[in-house]
Amino acid sequence: MAERAAPQTDAPEVDGRLVTRTRERYAAVQTLHERGRSITAISRELGLDRRTARRFVRAEHVEDLLVTARSRASLLDAFKPYLHERFNTGHTDAAALTTQITALGYRGSGKTVRRYLQPFRASLTAPAPVPVAPSIRQVTGWLTRHPDSLDEDERLQRKAILTRSPALTATARHVSEFAQMLTGRHGDRLQDWITNVASTEAPPLRSFANGLRHDLDAVTAGLPTDYSSGAVEGTVNRIKTIKRQMYGRASFDLLRKRILNPA
């Protein structure tokens, strides 16, 4: 099957095994999907996780998938400013530069460094490095942590991201409101919060709100009370940790003693 036409974009073409593999998988998944295969059948035939197969089926075009591939962090990202500075001062030997950044903590290969520097050799000048985009984990942390716990740089990056995305701004507001309900124990606000979230453009947040609605009375009652299952959950977590440490090496009798006599 021919690949679906992607929208025009001014972004430069990104080479690499990940991008190539993404294009090949997309074409294969779409071919099987057009033939009427189910997501389960596609994942089994191509050896993909069902969630991966579903994501490839639902993508309108391959560019939707390449956004993640292109933004994925590289081991070299943190050392690019150093490489650019050294290259522009005449130190163009890739092997020597690899040795230098390895001493600074780089854990990649010299081939990656050589491939990265190759486009700069024609003009013998390296352009200013492109700022590394924050990861999803970082952004999630900025949205879920209390603003007072963020340092100045994190606050500036958080503000810049929210300025560019009205949908993410709304999500951040809902997350903050929910955190205030939890810490302030305002169970009476839950119904209004769920109603407001129903109109948001964030499907995961709507799904979470729907889950709360299914058990609304219990959740509403649980918010203002002092009771918590935290102690029980902590004990369960401790027991699981002990079990993992002993798995395949000790008997139930020792497990029982370690649990009943933690000292």
Protein backbone atom coordinates (compact mmCIF):
# COMPACT_ATOMS: atom_id res chain seq x y z
CA MET A 1 0.00 0.00 0.00
CA ALA A 2 1.28 3.48 -0.81
CA GLU A 3 2.09 5.64 2.17
CA ARG A 4 -0.56 8.23 2.95
CA ALA A 5 0.36 11.73 1.90
CA ALA A 6 1.84 13.72 4.74
CA PRO A 7 1.16 17.42 5.20
CA GLN A 8 3.71 19.87 3.90
CA THR A 9 6.24 20.88 6.52
CA ASP A 10 9.28 23.12 6.67
CA ALA A 11 11.03 20.82 9.15
CA PRO A 12 14.25 19.33 7.78
CA GLU A 13 14.29 15.61 7.01
CA VAL A 14 15.73 13.67 9.90
CA ASP A 15 17.87 10.66 9.11
CA GLY A 16 18.45 7.72 11.39
CA ARG A 17 17.52 4.16 12.02
CA LEU A 18 14.60 5.10 14.27
CA VAL A 19 12.93 7.26 11.63
CA THR A 20 13.52 4.66 8.91
CA ARG A 21 12.10 1.91 11.09
CA THR A 22 9.07 4.05 11.95
CA ARG A 23 8.32 4.62 8.25
CA GLU A 24 8.67 0.92 7.45
CA ARG A 25 6.46 -0.15 10.34
CA TYR A 26 3.83 2.41 9.46
CA ALA A 27 3.65 1.17 5.88
CA ALA A 28 3.43 -2.46 7.01
CA VAL A 29 0.77 -1.78 9.63
CA GLN A 30 -1.36 0.29 7.28
CA THR A 31 -1.10 -2.40 4.59
CA LEU A 32 -2.41 -5.07 6.93
CA HIS A 33 -5.08 -2.74 8.30
CA GLU A 34 -6.35 -2.01 4.78
CA ARG A 35 -6.64 -5.76 4.25
CA GLY A 36 -9.03 -5.97 7.17
CA ARG A 37 -6.65 -7.39 9.79
CA SER A 38 -7.45 -6.66 13.43
CA ILE A 39 -5.01 -4.89 15.74
CA THR A 40 -4.35 -8.18 17.54
CA ALA A 41 -3.56 -9.93 14.23
CA ILE A 42 -1.29 -7.06 13.14
CA SER A 43 0.63 -7.07 16.41
CA ARG A 44 1.07 -10.84 16.22
CA GLU A 45 2.21 -10.88 12.60
CA LEU A 46 4.67 -7.98 12.93
CA GLY A 47 5.82 -8.79 16.45
CA LEU A 48 4.59 -5.49 17.90
CA ASP A 49 2.98 -4.67 21.20
CA ARG A 50 -0.79 -4.21 20.78
CA ARG A 51 -0.56 -0.61 21.99
CA THR A 52 2.13 0.12 19.41
CA ALA A 53 0.08 -1.49 16.65
CA ARG A 54 -2.99 0.50 17.71
CA ARG A 55 -1.02 3.75 17.67
CA PHE A 56 0.26 3.04 14.14
CA VAL A 57 -3.24 2.16 12.92
CA ARG A 58 -4.80 5.32 14.33
CA ALA A 59 -2.13 7.67 12.97
CA GLU A 60 -3.49 9.72 10.06
CA HIS A 61 -0.04 9.88 8.46
CA VAL A 62 3.50 8.86 9.29
CA GLU A 63 4.50 12.40 10.29
CA ASP A 64 2.34 12.08 13.41
CA LEU A 65 4.59 9.24 14.54
CA LEU A 66 7.84 10.91 13.49
CA VAL A 67 7.23 13.79 15.90
CA THR A 68 8.14 11.43 18.75
CA ALA A 69 11.00 9.86 16.83
CA ARG A 70 12.52 13.24 16.03
CA SER A 71 12.14 14.65 19.52
CA ARG A 72 13.58 11.64 21.33
CA ALA A 73 16.55 12.61 23.47
CA SER A 74 20.02 11.59 22.32
CA LEU A 75 23.01 10.68 24.46
CA LEU A 76 24.83 13.45 22.62
CA ASP A 77 22.35 16.26 23.36
CA ALA A 78 23.98 17.47 26.58
CA PHE A 79 27.40 17.67 24.89
CA LYS A 80 26.44 19.42 21.65
CA PRO A 81 27.21 22.96 22.90
CA TYR A 82 30.72 21.78 23.86
CA LEU A 83 31.23 20.10 20.48
CA HIS A 84 30.12 23.20 18.61
CA GLU A 85 32.42 25.43 20.62
CA ARG A 86 35.44 23.16 20.15
CA PHE A 87 34.71 22.63 16.45
CA ASN A 88 34.53 26.37 15.82
CA THR A 89 37.91 26.88 17.48
CA GLY A 90 39.58 24.45 15.07
CA HIS A 91 39.34 21.18 16.99
CA THR A 92 37.63 19.08 14.33
CA ASP A 93 39.01 15.61 15.04
CA ALA A 94 36.00 13.45 15.93
CA ALA A 95 38.05 10.86 17.82
CA ALA A 96 39.71 13.48 20.01
CA LEU A 97 36.38 15.20 20.68
CA THR A 98 34.82 11.86 21.59
CA THR A 99 37.58 11.29 24.14
CA GLN A 100 37.00 14.73 25.62
CA ILE A 101 33.24 14.42 26.04
CA THR A 102 33.59 10.84 27.32
CA ALA A 103 35.65 12.30 30.15
CA LEU A 104 32.72 14.65 30.77
CA GLY A 105 30.23 11.78 31.03
CA TYR A 106 29.29 10.89 27.44
CA ARG A 107 28.35 7.21 27.10
CA GLY A 108 27.75 6.97 23.36
CA SER A 109 29.99 5.88 20.50
CA GLY A 110 32.56 7.75 18.46
CA LYS A 111 30.59 6.92 15.32
CA THR A 112 27.69 9.00 16.62
CA VAL A 113 30.00 11.97 17.19
CA ARG A 114 31.59 11.61 13.75
CA ARG A 115 28.19 11.38 12.05
CA TYR A 116 26.94 14.45 13.94
CA LEU A 117 29.96 16.57 12.98
CA GLN A 118 30.06 15.52 9.30
CA PRO A 119 27.64 18.22 7.98
CA PHE A 120 29.81 20.94 9.55
CA ARG A 121 33.00 20.00 7.71
CA ALA A 122 32.04 21.63 4.41
CA SER A 123 32.04 25.12 5.94
CA LEU A 124 34.31 24.28 8.89
CA THR A 125 31.77 26.09 11.08
CA ALA A 126 29.23 24.60 13.47
CA PRO A 127 25.97 26.56 13.88
CA ALA A 128 24.51 27.34 17.26
CA PRO A 129 23.13 24.09 18.75
CA VAL A 130 19.36 23.70 18.75
CA PRO A 131 18.00 23.79 22.32
CA VAL A 132 16.99 20.35 23.56
CA ALA A 133 13.23 20.03 23.98
CA PRO A 134 12.10 18.93 27.45
CA SER A 135 10.97 15.33 27.77
CA ILE A 136 7.39 14.29 28.49
CA ARG A 137 8.50 13.18 31.95
CA GLN A 138 9.93 16.64 32.68
CA VAL A 139 6.81 18.47 31.51
CA THR A 140 4.58 16.13 33.50
CA GLY A 141 6.66 16.85 36.59
CA TRP A 142 6.35 20.60 36.07
CA LEU A 143 2.57 20.32 35.82
CA THR A 144 2.02 17.99 38.78
CA ARG A 145 4.50 19.44 41.26
CA HIS A 146 3.70 22.45 43.43
CA PRO A 147 4.95 25.63 41.69
CA ASP A 148 6.97 26.58 44.78
CA SER A 149 9.06 23.40 44.38
CA LEU A 150 10.26 24.42 40.89
CA ASP A 151 13.50 26.30 40.42
CA GLU A 152 13.71 29.44 38.30
CA ASP A 153 14.72 27.62 35.11
CA GLU A 154 11.90 25.07 35.47
CA ARG A 155 9.35 27.83 36.03
CA LEU A 156 10.49 29.66 32.90
CA GLN A 157 10.33 26.50 30.79
CA ARG A 158 6.91 25.63 32.20
CA LYS A 159 5.63 29.11 31.38
CA ALA A 160 7.02 28.93 27.83
CA ILE A 161 5.33 25.58 27.17
CA LEU A 162 1.96 26.69 28.55
CA THR A 163 2.11 29.87 26.50
CA ARG A 164 2.40 27.81 23.31
CA SER A 165 -0.41 25.37 24.15
CA PRO A 166 -3.88 26.52 25.30
CA ALA A 167 -4.93 22.87 25.72
CA LEU A 168 -1.97 22.17 28.00
CA THR A 169 -2.73 25.36 29.93
CA ALA A 170 -6.25 24.11 30.61
CA THR A 171 -4.88 20.72 31.63
CA ALA A 172 -2.44 22.34 34.05
CA ARG A 173 -5.28 24.32 35.61
CA HIS A 174 -7.41 21.20 36.11
CA VAL A 175 -4.47 19.30 37.61
CA SER A 176 -3.79 22.17 40.01
CA GLU A 177 -7.44 22.35 41.05
CA PHE A 178 -7.52 18.61 41.72
CA ALA A 179 -4.35 18.83 43.81
CA GLN A 180 -5.94 21.60 45.87
CA MET A 181 -8.99 19.39 46.46
CA LEU A 182 -6.79 16.56 47.69
CA THR A 183 -4.55 18.61 49.97
CA GLY A 184 -7.40 20.82 51.22
CA ARG A 185 -9.88 17.92 51.48
CA HIS A 186 -12.61 19.69 49.57
CA GLY A 187 -14.82 16.80 48.55
CA ASP A 188 -17.70 19.17 47.85
CA ARG A 189 -15.83 20.56 44.81
CA LEU A 190 -15.36 17.21 43.08
CA GLN A 191 -18.62 17.18 41.09
CA ASP A 192 -17.95 20.65 39.66
CA TRP A 193 -14.40 19.63 38.78
CA ILE A 194 -15.60 16.55 36.90
CA THR A 195 -18.14 18.65 34.99
CA ASN A 196 -15.46 21.16 33.95
CA VAL A 197 -13.06 18.42 32.87
CA ALA A 198 -15.75 16.86 30.63
CA SER A 199 -15.26 19.71 28.16
CA THR A 200 -11.47 19.61 28.13
CA GLU A 201 -9.43 18.61 25.07
CA ALA A 202 -7.31 16.15 27.06
CA PRO A 203 -8.75 12.62 26.58
CA PRO A 204 -6.67 11.04 29.40
CA LEU A 205 -7.96 13.64 31.86
CA ARG A 206 -11.56 13.04 30.74
CA SER A 207 -11.02 9.30 31.16
CA PHE A 208 -9.75 9.86 34.70
CA ALA A 209 -12.77 12.02 35.52
CA ASN A 210 -15.12 9.37 34.14
CA GLY A 211 -13.49 6.80 36.39
CA LEU A 212 -14.16 9.04 39.40
CA ARG A 213 -17.77 9.46 38.34
CA HIS A 214 -18.33 5.70 38.43
CA ASP A 215 -17.47 5.66 42.15
CA LEU A 216 -18.41 9.23 42.96
CA ASP A 217 -19.91 8.72 46.42
CA ALA A 218 -16.90 6.84 47.75
CA VAL A 219 -14.38 9.30 46.31
CA THR A 220 -16.35 12.31 47.55
CA ALA A 221 -16.59 10.80 51.03
CA GLY A 222 -12.92 9.89 51.05
CA LEU A 223 -11.62 13.37 50.28
CA PRO A 224 -12.60 15.16 53.53
CA THR A 225 -11.80 12.32 55.98
CA ASP A 226 -8.63 11.67 57.94
CA TYR A 227 -8.59 7.97 57.12
CA SER A 228 -6.01 6.64 54.68
CA SER A 229 -4.86 3.29 53.37
CA GLY A 230 -1.31 4.62 53.10
CA ALA A 231 -0.03 2.55 56.02
CA VAL A 232 -1.46 -0.64 54.54
CA GLU A 233 -0.07 0.15 51.09
CA GLY A 234 3.33 0.81 52.63
CA THR A 235 3.30 -2.57 54.37
CA VAL A 236 2.29 -4.34 51.17
CA ASN A 237 5.08 -2.59 49.30
CA ARG A 238 7.61 -3.66 51.96
CA ILE A 239 6.47 -7.31 51.73
CA LYS A 240 6.75 -7.26 47.94
CA THR A 241 10.26 -5.87 48.20
CA ILE A 242 11.29 -8.66 50.56
CA LYS A 243 9.71 -11.27 48.27
CA ARG A 244 11.65 -9.97 45.27
CA GLN A 245 14.91 -10.08 47.22
CA MET A 246 14.30 -13.71 48.22
CA TYR A 247 12.69 -15.05 45.04
CA GLY A 248 14.27 -18.39 44.05
CA ARG A 249 16.74 -18.31 46.94
CA ALA A 250 14.80 -18.89 50.18
CA SER A 251 11.71 -20.63 51.55
CA PHE A 252 8.41 -19.37 52.90
CA ASP A 253 9.59 -19.93 56.48
CA LEU A 254 12.33 -17.32 56.13
CA LEU A 255 9.91 -14.93 54.40
CA ARG A 256 7.51 -15.27 57.35
CA LYS A 257 10.27 -14.55 59.85
CA ARG A 258 11.48 -11.48 57.98
CA ILE A 259 7.97 -10.06 57.81
CA LEU A 260 7.04 -10.75 61.44
CA ASN A 261 10.47 -9.73 62.78
CA PRO A 262 11.64 -6.83 60.59
CA ALA A 263 14.37 -5.89 63.06
